[in-house]
Amino acid sequence: MVEKIHMKERLMGLQFSIKSREAKDRYIDANIKNIISELSIEIKNFGIEIVLRKLLLSLMSVQLAQNIGVDHHAATEELYYYMKKNEDTSIIILEFIDKIIKNKQW
């Protein structure tokens, strides 16, 4: 049912939707491992602050996409456009990341 609505009817992810459950699971597992590996390398090369910012912005754009009904790419563009105009957003994000890193109580 989920695949029918979200993939086949919208013609999105069609190649993925026709795979067997086992093949899908292997694909997802490989992607999870790859993402964790890439983030680990980025932490070593750029620091935890940059990776946390990347993860936070990604979450924001995914939620924005869901809320306004656009794809992830379009939501990311809108988010970056908004952030360029509203520098306070970057400050709020940096303060939030600082609280995470310093493990401050909420």
PDB file of N, CA and C in Angstrom:
ATOM      1  N   MET A   1       0.830  -1.196   0.000  1.00  0.00           N
ATOM      2  CA  MET A   1       0.000   0.000   0.000  1.00  0.00           C
ATOM      3  C   MET A   1       0.875   1.260   0.000  1.00  0.00           C
ATOM      4  N   VAL A   2       1.840   1.324   0.912  1.00  0.00           N
ATOM      5  CA  VAL A   2       2.711   2.499   0.986  1.00  0.00           C
ATOM      6  C   VAL A   2       3.459   2.688  -0.325  1.00  0.00           C
ATOM      7  N   GLU A   3       4.033   1.599  -0.832  1.00  0.00           N
ATOM      8  CA  GLU A   3       4.767   1.699  -2.094  1.00  0.00           C
ATOM      9  C   GLU A   3       3.851   2.127  -3.225  1.00  0.00           C
ATOM     10  N   LYS A   4       2.640   1.613  -3.251  1.00  0.00           N
ATOM     11  CA  LYS A   4       1.707   1.949  -4.324  1.00  0.00           C
ATOM     12  C   LYS A   4       1.437   3.450  -4.349  1.00  0.00           C
ATOM     13  N   ILE A   5       1.189   4.020  -3.182  1.00  0.00           N
ATOM     14  CA  ILE A   5       0.850   5.443  -3.110  1.00  0.00           C
ATOM     15  C   ILE A   5       2.088   6.316  -3.272  1.00  0.00           C
ATOM     16  N   HIS A   6       3.122   6.020  -2.493  1.00  0.00           N
ATOM     17  CA  HIS A   6       4.270   6.922  -2.440  1.00  0.00           C
ATOM     18  C   HIS A   6       5.258   6.745  -3.583  1.00  0.00           C
ATOM     19  N   MET A   7       5.312   5.587  -4.185  1.00  0.00           N
ATOM     20  CA  MET A   7       6.309   5.382  -5.232  1.00  0.00           C
ATOM     21  C   MET A   7       5.685   5.143  -6.596  1.00  0.00           C
ATOM     22  N   LYS A   8       4.839   4.169  -6.709  1.00  0.00           N
ATOM     23  CA  LYS A   8       4.344   3.777  -8.029  1.00  0.00           C
ATOM     24  C   LYS A   8       3.410   4.812  -8.633  1.00  0.00           C
ATOM     25  N   GLU A   9       2.431   5.322  -7.858  1.00  0.00           N
ATOM     26  CA  GLU A   9       1.494   6.294  -8.410  1.00  0.00           C
ATOM     27  C   GLU A   9       2.167   7.620  -8.739  1.00  0.00           C
ATOM     28  N   ARG A  10       3.167   7.988  -7.994  1.00  0.00           N
ATOM     29  CA  ARG A  10       3.882   9.235  -8.250  1.00  0.00           C
ATOM     30  C   ARG A  10       5.053   9.036  -9.203  1.00  0.00           C
ATOM     31  N   LEU A  11       5.314   7.792  -9.573  1.00  0.00           N
ATOM     32  CA  LEU A  11       6.438   7.426 -10.426  1.00  0.00           C
ATOM     33  C   LEU A  11       7.762   7.900  -9.822  1.00  0.00           C
ATOM     34  N   MET A  12       7.850   7.789  -8.517  1.00  0.00           N
ATOM     35  CA  MET A  12       9.078   8.150  -7.808  1.00  0.00           C
ATOM     36  C   MET A  12       9.651   6.882  -7.199  1.00  0.00           C
ATOM     37  N   GLY A  13      10.931   6.691  -7.344  1.00  0.00           N
ATOM     38  CA  GLY A  13      11.561   5.520  -6.745  1.00  0.00           C
ATOM     39  C   GLY A  13      11.070   4.220  -7.336  1.00  0.00           C
ATOM     40  N   LEU A  14      10.683   4.245  -8.597  1.00  0.00           N
ATOM     41  CA  LEU A  14      10.109   3.063  -9.224  1.00  0.00           C
ATOM     42  C   LEU A  14      11.077   1.882  -9.205  1.00  0.00           C
ATOM     43  N   GLN A  15      12.340   2.132  -9.516  1.00  0.00           N
ATOM     44  CA  GLN A  15      13.335   1.053  -9.505  1.00  0.00           C
ATOM     45  C   GLN A  15      13.427   0.417  -8.127  1.00  0.00           C
ATOM     46  N   PHE A  16      13.366   1.246  -7.078  1.00  0.00           N
ATOM     47  CA  PHE A  16      13.442   0.734  -5.716  1.00  0.00           C
ATOM     48  C   PHE A  16      12.176  -0.049  -5.359  1.00  0.00           C
ATOM     49  N   SER A  17      11.025   0.461  -5.773  1.00  0.00           N
ATOM     50  CA  SER A  17       9.761  -0.158  -5.368  1.00  0.00           C
ATOM     51  C   SER A  17       9.563  -1.556  -5.940  1.00  0.00           C
ATOM     52  N   ILE A  18      10.218  -1.889  -7.052  1.00  0.00           N
ATOM     53  CA  ILE A  18      10.008  -3.215  -7.647  1.00  0.00           C
ATOM     54  C   ILE A  18      11.011  -4.250  -7.136  1.00  0.00           C
ATOM     55  N   LYS A  19      11.948  -3.819  -6.272  1.00  0.00           N
ATOM     56  CA  LYS A  19      12.918  -4.766  -5.709  1.00  0.00           C
ATOM     57  C   LYS A  19      12.252  -5.643  -4.655  1.00  0.00           C
ATOM     58  N   SER A  20      12.880  -6.770  -4.368  1.00  0.00           N
ATOM     59  CA  SER A  20      12.374  -7.640  -3.297  1.00  0.00           C
ATOM     60  C   SER A  20      12.638  -6.963  -1.955  1.00  0.00           C
ATOM     61  N   ARG A  21      11.930  -7.400  -0.922  1.00  0.00           N
ATOM     62  CA  ARG A  21      12.118  -6.831   0.413  1.00  0.00           C
ATOM     63  C   ARG A  21      13.563  -6.984   0.868  1.00  0.00           C
ATOM     64  N   GLU A  22      14.156  -8.137   0.582  1.00  0.00           N
ATOM     65  CA  GLU A  22      15.540  -8.381   0.988  1.00  0.00           C
ATOM     66  C   GLU A  22      16.498  -7.418   0.280  1.00  0.00           C
ATOM     67  N   ALA A  23      16.271  -7.187  -0.999  1.00  0.00           N
ATOM     68  CA  ALA A  23      17.121  -6.262  -1.757  1.00  0.00           C
ATOM     69  C   ALA A  23      16.960  -4.838  -1.234  1.00  0.00           C
ATOM     70  N   LYS A  24      15.733  -4.446  -0.908  1.00  0.00           N
ATOM     71  CA  LYS A  24      15.501  -3.122  -0.337  1.00  0.00           C
ATOM     72  C   LYS A  24      16.238  -2.974   0.990  1.00  0.00           C
ATOM     73  N   ASP A  25      16.138  -4.009   1.823  1.00  0.00           N
ATOM     74  CA  ASP A  25      16.796  -3.970   3.131  1.00  0.00           C
ATOM     75  C   ASP A  25      18.317  -3.860   2.985  1.00  0.00           C
ATOM     76  N   ARG A  26      18.889  -4.585   2.024  1.00  0.00           N
ATOM     77  CA  ARG A  26      20.331  -4.506   1.794  1.00  0.00           C
ATOM     78  C   ARG A  26      20.727  -3.105   1.325  1.00  0.00           C
ATOM     79  N   TYR A  27      19.924  -2.544   0.453  1.00  0.00           N
ATOM     80  CA  TYR A  27      20.191  -1.201  -0.058  1.00  0.00           C
ATOM     81  C   TYR A  27      20.150  -0.167   1.067  1.00  0.00           C
ATOM     82  N   ILE A  28      19.116  -0.240   1.888  1.00  0.00           N
ATOM     83  CA  ILE A  28      18.971   0.689   3.013  1.00  0.00           C
ATOM     84  C   ILE A  28      20.117   0.508   3.997  1.00  0.00           C
ATOM     85  N   ASP A  29      20.458  -0.749   4.303  1.00  0.00           N
ATOM     86  CA  ASP A  29      21.554  -1.032   5.226  1.00  0.00           C
ATOM     87  C   ASP A  29      22.868  -0.448   4.707  1.00  0.00           C
ATOM     88  N   ALA A  30      23.141  -0.639   3.437  1.00  0.00           N
ATOM     89  CA  ALA A  30      24.373  -0.103   2.844  1.00  0.00           C
ATOM     90  C   ALA A  30      24.391   1.420   2.904  1.00  0.00           C
ATOM     91  N   ASN A  31      23.254   2.053   2.665  1.00  0.00           N
ATOM     92  CA  ASN A  31      23.182   3.507   2.718  1.00  0.00           C
ATOM     93  C   ASN A  31      23.397   4.031   4.128  1.00  0.00           C
ATOM     94  N   ILE A  32      22.821   3.372   5.112  1.00  0.00           N
ATOM     95  CA  ILE A  32      23.015   3.784   6.508  1.00  0.00           C
ATOM     96  C   ILE A  32      24.486   3.709   6.877  1.00  0.00           C
ATOM     97  N   LYS A  33      25.134   2.603   6.528  1.00  0.00           N
ATOM     98  CA  LYS A  33      26.563   2.443   6.834  1.00  0.00           C
ATOM     99  C   LYS A  33      27.397   3.490   6.117  1.00  0.00           C
ATOM    100  N   ASN A  34      27.055   3.787   4.878  1.00  0.00           N
ATOM    101  CA  ASN A  34      27.778   4.789   4.097  1.00  0.00           C
ATOM    102  C   ASN A  34      27.622   6.178   4.720  1.00  0.00           C
ATOM    103  N   ILE A  35      26.415   6.521   5.123  1.00  0.00           N
ATOM    104  CA  ILE A  35      26.164   7.831   5.728  1.00  0.00           C
ATOM    105  C   ILE A  35      26.954   7.978   7.021  1.00  0.00           C
ATOM    106  N   ILE A  36      26.934   6.956   7.864  1.00  0.00           N
ATOM    107  CA  ILE A  36      27.673   7.010   9.125  1.00  0.00           C
ATOM    108  C   ILE A  36      29.172   7.137   8.862  1.00  0.00           C
ATOM    109  N   SER A  37      29.659   6.416   7.883  1.00  0.00           N
ATOM    110  CA  SER A  37      31.071   6.508   7.528  1.00  0.00           C
ATOM    111  C   SER A  37      31.428   7.913   7.043  1.00  0.00           C
ATOM    112  N   GLU A  38      30.609   8.471   6.175  1.00  0.00           N
ATOM    113  CA  GLU A  38      30.860   9.820   5.658  1.00  0.00           C
ATOM    114  C   GLU A  38      30.821  10.860   6.778  1.00  0.00           C
ATOM    115  N   LEU A  39      29.840  10.735   7.682  1.00  0.00           N
ATOM    116  CA  LEU A  39      29.753  11.686   8.788  1.00  0.00           C
ATOM    117  C   LEU A  39      30.948  11.567   9.720  1.00  0.00           C
ATOM    118  N   SER A  40      31.418  10.366   9.938  1.00  0.00           N
ATOM    119  CA  SER A  40      32.600  10.157  10.781  1.00  0.00           C
ATOM    120  C   SER A  40      33.826  10.837  10.181  1.00  0.00           C
ATOM    121  N   ILE A  41      33.987  10.696   8.879  1.00  0.00           N
ATOM    122  CA  ILE A  41      35.107  11.346   8.195  1.00  0.00           C
ATOM    123  C   ILE A  41      34.969  12.863   8.269  1.00  0.00           C
ATOM    124  N   GLU A  42      33.756  13.366   8.086  1.00  0.00           N
ATOM    125  CA  GLU A  42      33.529  14.808   8.151  1.00  0.00           C
ATOM    126  C   GLU A  42      33.803  15.348   9.554  1.00  0.00           C
ATOM    127  N   ILE A  43      33.456  14.586  10.592  1.00  0.00           N
ATOM    128  CA  ILE A  43      33.758  15.015  11.957  1.00  0.00           C
ATOM    129  C   ILE A  43      35.257  15.143  12.136  1.00  0.00           C
ATOM    130  N   LYS A  44      36.012  14.162  11.643  1.00  0.00           N
ATOM    131  CA  LYS A  44      37.476  14.213  11.745  1.00  0.00           C
ATOM    132  C   LYS A  44      38.059  15.390  10.963  1.00  0.00           C
ATOM    133  N   ASN A  45      37.530  15.637   9.767  1.00  0.00           N
ATOM    134  CA  ASN A  45      38.087  16.671   8.896  1.00  0.00           C
ATOM    135  C   ASN A  45      37.619  18.087   9.229  1.00  0.00           C
ATOM    136  N   PHE A  46      36.358  18.221   9.643  1.00  0.00           N
ATOM    137  CA  PHE A  46      35.776  19.560   9.803  1.00  0.00           C
ATOM    138  C   PHE A  46      35.314  19.890  11.211  1.00  0.00           C
ATOM    139  N   GLY A  47      35.125  18.880  12.050  1.00  0.00           N
ATOM    140  CA  GLY A  47      34.678  19.115  13.417  1.00  0.00           C
ATOM    141  C   GLY A  47      33.207  18.798  13.617  1.00  0.00           C
ATOM    142  N   ILE A  48      32.879  18.574  14.852  1.00  0.00           N
ATOM    143  CA  ILE A  48      31.513  18.172  15.209  1.00  0.00           C
ATOM    144  C   ILE A  48      30.498  19.287  14.940  1.00  0.00           C
ATOM    145  N   GLU A  49      30.913  20.543  15.098  1.00  0.00           N
ATOM    146  CA  GLU A  49      29.985  21.654  14.902  1.00  0.00           C
ATOM    147  C   GLU A  49      29.435  21.685  13.472  1.00  0.00           C
ATOM    148  N   ILE A  50      30.324  21.486  12.525  1.00  0.00           N
ATOM    149  CA  ILE A  50      29.917  21.510  11.114  1.00  0.00           C
ATOM    150  C   ILE A  50      28.957  20.355  10.807  1.00  0.00           C
ATOM    151  N   VAL A  51      29.259  19.182  11.333  1.00  0.00           N
ATOM    152  CA  VAL A  51      28.408  18.012  11.081  1.00  0.00           C
ATOM    153  C   VAL A  51      27.046  18.184  11.757  1.00  0.00           C
ATOM    154  N   LEU A  52      27.016  18.709  12.965  1.00  0.00           N
ATOM    155  CA  LEU A  52      25.735  18.959  13.626  1.00  0.00           C
ATOM    156  C   LEU A  52      24.914  19.985  12.853  1.00  0.00           C
ATOM    157  N   ARG A  53      25.579  21.010  12.341  1.00  0.00           N
ATOM    158  CA  ARG A  53      24.875  22.015  11.532  1.00  0.00           C
ATOM    159  C   ARG A  53      24.291  21.361  10.271  1.00  0.00           C
ATOM    160  N   LYS A  54      25.085  20.539   9.634  1.00  0.00           N
ATOM    161  CA  LYS A  54      24.629  19.836   8.425  1.00  0.00           C
ATOM    162  C   LYS A  54      23.403  18.970   8.732  1.00  0.00           C
ATOM    163  N   LEU A  55      23.468  18.220   9.826  1.00  0.00           N
ATOM    164  CA  LEU A  55      22.349  17.349  10.199  1.00  0.00           C
ATOM    165  C   LEU A  55      21.109  18.159  10.561  1.00  0.00           C
ATOM    166  N   LEU A  56      21.307  19.247  11.288  1.00  0.00           N
ATOM    167  CA  LEU A  56      20.179  20.089  11.684  1.00  0.00           C
ATOM    168  C   LEU A  56      19.520  20.738  10.468  1.00  0.00           C
ATOM    169  N   LEU A  57      20.334  21.260   9.560  1.00  0.00           N
ATOM    170  CA  LEU A  57      19.771  21.870   8.347  1.00  0.00           C
ATOM    171  C   LEU A  57      19.065  20.844   7.475  1.00  0.00           C
ATOM    172  N   SER A  58      19.589  19.639   7.440  1.00  0.00           N
ATOM    173  CA  SER A  58      18.937  18.578   6.671  1.00  0.00           C
ATOM    174  C   SER A  58      17.569  18.242   7.267  1.00  0.00           C
ATOM    175  N   LEU A  59      17.514  18.138   8.590  1.00  0.00           N
ATOM    176  CA  LEU A  59      16.234  17.874   9.255  1.00  0.00           C
ATOM    177  C   LEU A  59      15.251  19.010   8.992  1.00  0.00           C
ATOM    178  N   MET A  60      15.727  20.235   9.084  1.00  0.00           N
ATOM    179  CA  MET A  60      14.852  21.383   8.829  1.00  0.00           C
ATOM    180  C   MET A  60      14.279  21.350   7.415  1.00  0.00           C
ATOM    181  N   SER A  61      15.127  21.053   6.451  1.00  0.00           N
ATOM    182  CA  SER A  61      14.642  21.049   5.065  1.00  0.00           C
ATOM    183  C   SER A  61      13.699  19.881   4.799  1.00  0.00           C
ATOM    184  N   VAL A  62      13.925  18.747   5.444  1.00  0.00           N
ATOM    185  CA  VAL A  62      13.000  17.611   5.286  1.00  0.00           C
ATOM    186  C   VAL A  62      11.634  17.961   5.880  1.00  0.00           C
ATOM    187  N   GLN A  63      11.640  18.545   7.069  1.00  0.00           N
ATOM    188  CA  GLN A  63      10.366  18.920   7.682  1.00  0.00           C
ATOM    189  C   GLN A  63       9.668  20.019   6.893  1.00  0.00           C
ATOM    190  N   LEU A  64      10.437  20.959   6.384  1.00  0.00           N
ATOM    191  CA  LEU A  64       9.862  22.009   5.552  1.00  0.00           C
ATOM    192  C   LEU A  64       9.227  21.409   4.295  1.00  0.00           C
ATOM    193  N   ALA A  65       9.920  20.471   3.679  1.00  0.00           N
ATOM    194  CA  ALA A  65       9.385  19.805   2.487  1.00  0.00           C
ATOM    195  C   ALA A  65       8.061  19.108   2.796  1.00  0.00           C
ATOM    196  N   GLN A  66       8.017  18.408   3.918  1.00  0.00           N
ATOM    197  CA  GLN A  66       6.779  17.720   4.305  1.00  0.00           C
ATOM    198  C   GLN A  66       5.658  18.713   4.580  1.00  0.00           C
ATOM    199  N   ASN A  67       5.988  19.803   5.254  1.00  0.00           N
ATOM    200  CA  ASN A  67       4.955  20.758   5.655  1.00  0.00           C
ATOM    201  C   ASN A  67       4.404  21.584   4.506  1.00  0.00           C
ATOM    202  N   ILE A  68       5.245  21.927   3.538  1.00  0.00           N
ATOM    203  CA  ILE A  68       4.740  22.751   2.433  1.00  0.00           C
ATOM    204  C   ILE A  68       4.459  21.946   1.171  1.00  0.00           C
ATOM    205  N   GLY A  69       4.813  20.658   1.187  1.00  0.00           N
ATOM    206  CA  GLY A  69       4.445  19.780   0.077  1.00  0.00           C
ATOM    207  C   GLY A  69       5.321  19.908  -1.151  1.00  0.00           C
ATOM    208  N   VAL A  70       6.625  20.124  -0.932  1.00  0.00           N
ATOM    209  CA  VAL A  70       7.552  20.170  -2.066  1.00  0.00           C
ATOM    210  C   VAL A  70       8.613  19.103  -1.870  1.00  0.00           C
ATOM    211  N   ASP A  71       9.462  18.916  -2.876  1.00  0.00           N
ATOM    212  CA  ASP A  71      10.522  17.923  -2.710  1.00  0.00           C
ATOM    213  C   ASP A  71      11.644  18.494  -1.846  1.00  0.00           C
ATOM    214  N   HIS A  72      12.525  17.616  -1.430  1.00  0.00           N
ATOM    215  CA  HIS A  72      13.601  18.001  -0.511  1.00  0.00           C
ATOM    216  C   HIS A  72      14.510  19.072  -1.111  1.00  0.00           C
ATOM    217  N   HIS A  73      14.815  18.952  -2.377  1.00  0.00           N
ATOM    218  CA  HIS A  73      15.695  19.927  -3.025  1.00  0.00           C
ATOM    219  C   HIS A  73      15.078  21.324  -2.985  1.00  0.00           C
ATOM    220  N   ALA A  74      13.807  21.418  -3.332  1.00  0.00           N
ATOM    221  CA  ALA A  74      13.129  22.723  -3.330  1.00  0.00           C
ATOM    222  C   ALA A  74      13.081  23.309  -1.921  1.00  0.00           C
ATOM    223  N   ALA A  75      12.814  22.476  -0.928  1.00  0.00           N
ATOM    224  CA  ALA A  75      12.761  22.945   0.454  1.00  0.00           C
ATOM    225  C   ALA A  75      14.134  23.437   0.919  1.00  0.00           C
ATOM    226  N   THR A  76      15.191  22.746   0.508  1.00  0.00           N
ATOM    227  CA  THR A  76      16.552  23.164   0.866  1.00  0.00           C
ATOM    228  C   THR A  76      16.859  24.526   0.265  1.00  0.00           C
ATOM    229  N   GLU A  77      16.473  24.727  -0.983  1.00  0.00           N
ATOM    230  CA  GLU A  77      16.681  26.028  -1.635  1.00  0.00           C
ATOM    231  C   GLU A  77      15.938  27.129  -0.878  1.00  0.00           C
ATOM    232  N   GLU A  78      14.689  26.857  -0.504  1.00  0.00           N
ATOM    233  CA  GLU A  78      13.899  27.851   0.231  1.00  0.00           C
ATOM    234  C   GLU A  78      14.526  28.153   1.590  1.00  0.00           C
ATOM    235  N   LEU A  79      14.990  27.132   2.268  1.00  0.00           N
ATOM    236  CA  LEU A  79      15.616  27.307   3.571  1.00  0.00           C
ATOM    237  C   LEU A  79      16.874  28.168   3.462  1.00  0.00           C
ATOM    238  N   TYR A  80      17.736  27.875   2.496  1.00  0.00           N
ATOM    239  CA  TYR A  80      18.963  28.648   2.330  1.00  0.00           C
ATOM    240  C   TYR A  80      18.666  30.087   1.914  1.00  0.00           C
ATOM    241  N   TYR A  81      17.664  30.275   1.078  1.00  0.00           N
ATOM    242  CA  TYR A  81      17.266  31.634   0.689  1.00  0.00           C
ATOM    243  C   TYR A  81      16.805  32.410   1.924  1.00  0.00           C
ATOM    244  N   TYR A  82      15.974  31.769   2.739  1.00  0.00           N
ATOM    245  CA  TYR A  82      15.474  32.403   3.959  1.00  0.00           C
ATOM    246  C   TYR A  82      16.622  32.751   4.902  1.00  0.00           C
ATOM    247  N   MET A  83      17.561  31.821   5.056  1.00  0.00           N
ATOM    248  CA  MET A  83      18.671  32.028   5.986  1.00  0.00           C
ATOM    249  C   MET A  83      19.606  33.149   5.531  1.00  0.00           C
ATOM    250  N   LYS A  84      19.741  33.328   4.230  1.00  0.00           N
ATOM    251  CA  LYS A  84      20.565  34.435   3.725  1.00  0.00           C
ATOM    252  C   LYS A  84      19.940  35.779   4.091  1.00  0.00           C
ATOM    253  N   LYS A  85      18.615  35.844   4.042  1.00  0.00           N
ATOM    254  CA  LYS A  85      17.906  37.077   4.376  1.00  0.00           C
ATOM    255  C   LYS A  85      17.826  37.306   5.879  1.00  0.00           C
ATOM    256  N   ASN A  86      17.772  36.244   6.650  1.00  0.00           N
ATOM    257  CA  ASN A  86      17.570  36.332   8.097  1.00  0.00           C
ATOM    258  C   ASN A  86      18.758  35.736   8.834  1.00  0.00           C
ATOM    259  N   GLU A  87      19.759  36.552   9.063  1.00  0.00           N
ATOM    260  CA  GLU A  87      20.983  36.080   9.689  1.00  0.00           C
ATOM    261  C   GLU A  87      20.762  35.601  11.119  1.00  0.00           C
ATOM    262  N   ASP A  88      19.681  36.028  11.751  1.00  0.00           N
ATOM    263  CA  ASP A  88      19.373  35.574  13.115  1.00  0.00           C
ATOM    264  C   ASP A  88      19.209  34.064  13.167  1.00  0.00           C
ATOM    265  N   THR A  89      18.740  33.475  12.085  1.00  0.00           N
ATOM    266  CA  THR A  89      18.546  32.029  12.040  1.00  0.00           C
ATOM    267  C   THR A  89      19.874  31.306  12.248  1.00  0.00           C
ATOM    268  N   SER A  90      20.919  31.776  11.614  1.00  0.00           N
ATOM    269  CA  SER A  90      22.237  31.158  11.781  1.00  0.00           C
ATOM    270  C   SER A  90      22.712  31.265  13.223  1.00  0.00           C
ATOM    271  N   ILE A  91      22.451  32.398  13.846  1.00  0.00           N
ATOM    272  CA  ILE A  91      22.846  32.582  15.250  1.00  0.00           C
ATOM    273  C   ILE A  91      22.087  31.605  16.141  1.00  0.00           C
ATOM    274  N   ILE A  92      20.792  31.457  15.904  1.00  0.00           N
ATOM    275  CA  ILE A  92      19.974  30.522  16.687  1.00  0.00           C
ATOM    276  C   ILE A  92      20.496  29.096  16.520  1.00  0.00           C
ATOM    277  N   ILE A  93      20.822  28.734  15.301  1.00  0.00           N
ATOM    278  CA  ILE A  93      21.342  27.387  15.027  1.00  0.00           C
ATOM    279  C   ILE A  93      22.678  27.179  15.740  1.00  0.00           C
ATOM    280  N   LEU A  94      23.565  28.160  15.637  1.00  0.00           N
ATOM    281  CA  LEU A  94      24.872  28.037  16.298  1.00  0.00           C
ATOM    282  C   LEU A  94      24.728  27.952  17.819  1.00  0.00           C
ATOM    283  N   GLU A  95      23.811  28.719  18.400  1.00  0.00           N
ATOM    284  CA  GLU A  95      23.581  28.645  19.844  1.00  0.00           C
ATOM    285  C   GLU A  95      23.043  27.269  20.238  1.00  0.00           C
ATOM    286  N   PHE A  96      22.160  26.729  19.420  1.00  0.00           N
ATOM    287  CA  PHE A  96      21.600  25.403  19.691  1.00  0.00           C
ATOM    288  C   PHE A  96      22.691  24.337  19.634  1.00  0.00           C
ATOM    289  N   ILE A  97      23.532  24.413  18.627  1.00  0.00           N
ATOM    290  CA  ILE A  97      24.643  23.460  18.489  1.00  0.00           C
ATOM    291  C   ILE A  97      25.589  23.583  19.676  1.00  0.00           C
ATOM    292  N   ASP A  98      25.847  24.811  20.095  1.00  0.00           N
ATOM    293  CA  ASP A  98      26.713  25.026  21.254  1.00  0.00           C
ATOM    294  C   ASP A  98      26.129  24.370  22.500  1.00  0.00           C
ATOM    295  N   LYS A  99      24.816  24.479  22.687  1.00  0.00           N
ATOM    296  CA  LYS A  99      24.166  23.831  23.834  1.00  0.00           C
ATOM    297  C   LYS A  99      24.306  22.327  23.766  1.00  0.00           C
ATOM    298  N   ILE A 100      24.186  21.768  22.581  1.00  0.00           N
ATOM    299  CA  ILE A 100      24.327  20.321  22.417  1.00  0.00           C
ATOM    300  C   ILE A 100      25.744  19.894  22.792  1.00  0.00           C
ATOM    301  N   ILE A 101      26.711  20.588  22.243  1.00  0.00           N
ATOM    302  CA  ILE A 101      28.117  20.222  22.459  1.00  0.00           C
ATOM    303  C   ILE A 101      28.496  20.348  23.941  1.00  0.00           C
ATOM    304  N   LYS A 102      28.018  21.404  24.562  1.00  0.00           N
ATOM    305  CA  LYS A 102      28.359  21.624  25.971  1.00  0.00           C
ATOM    306  C   LYS A 102      27.426  20.864  26.913  1.00  0.00           C
ATOM    307  N   ASN A 103      26.464  20.147  26.328  1.00  0.00           N
ATOM    308  CA  ASN A 103      25.520  19.324  27.085  1.00  0.00           C
ATOM    309  C   ASN A 103      24.819  20.137  28.169  1.00  0.00           C
ATOM    310  N   LYS A 104      24.403  21.328  27.789  1.00  0.00           N
ATOM    311  CA  LYS A 104      23.699  22.177  28.736  1.00  0.00           C
ATOM    312  C   LYS A 104      22.310  21.626  29.013  1.00  0.00           C
ATOM    313  N   GLN A 105      21.851  21.859  30.181  1.00  0.00           N
ATOM    314  CA  GLN A 105      20.505  21.434  30.545  1.00  0.00           C
ATOM    315  C   GLN A 105      19.490  22.314  29.828  1.00  0.00           C
ATOM    316  N   TRP A 106      18.411  21.737  29.450  1.00  0.00           N
ATOM    317  CA  TRP A 106      17.359  22.483  28.741  1.00  0.00           C
ATOM    318  C   TRP A 106      16.469  23.072  29.780  1.00  0.00           C
TER     319      TRP A 106
END
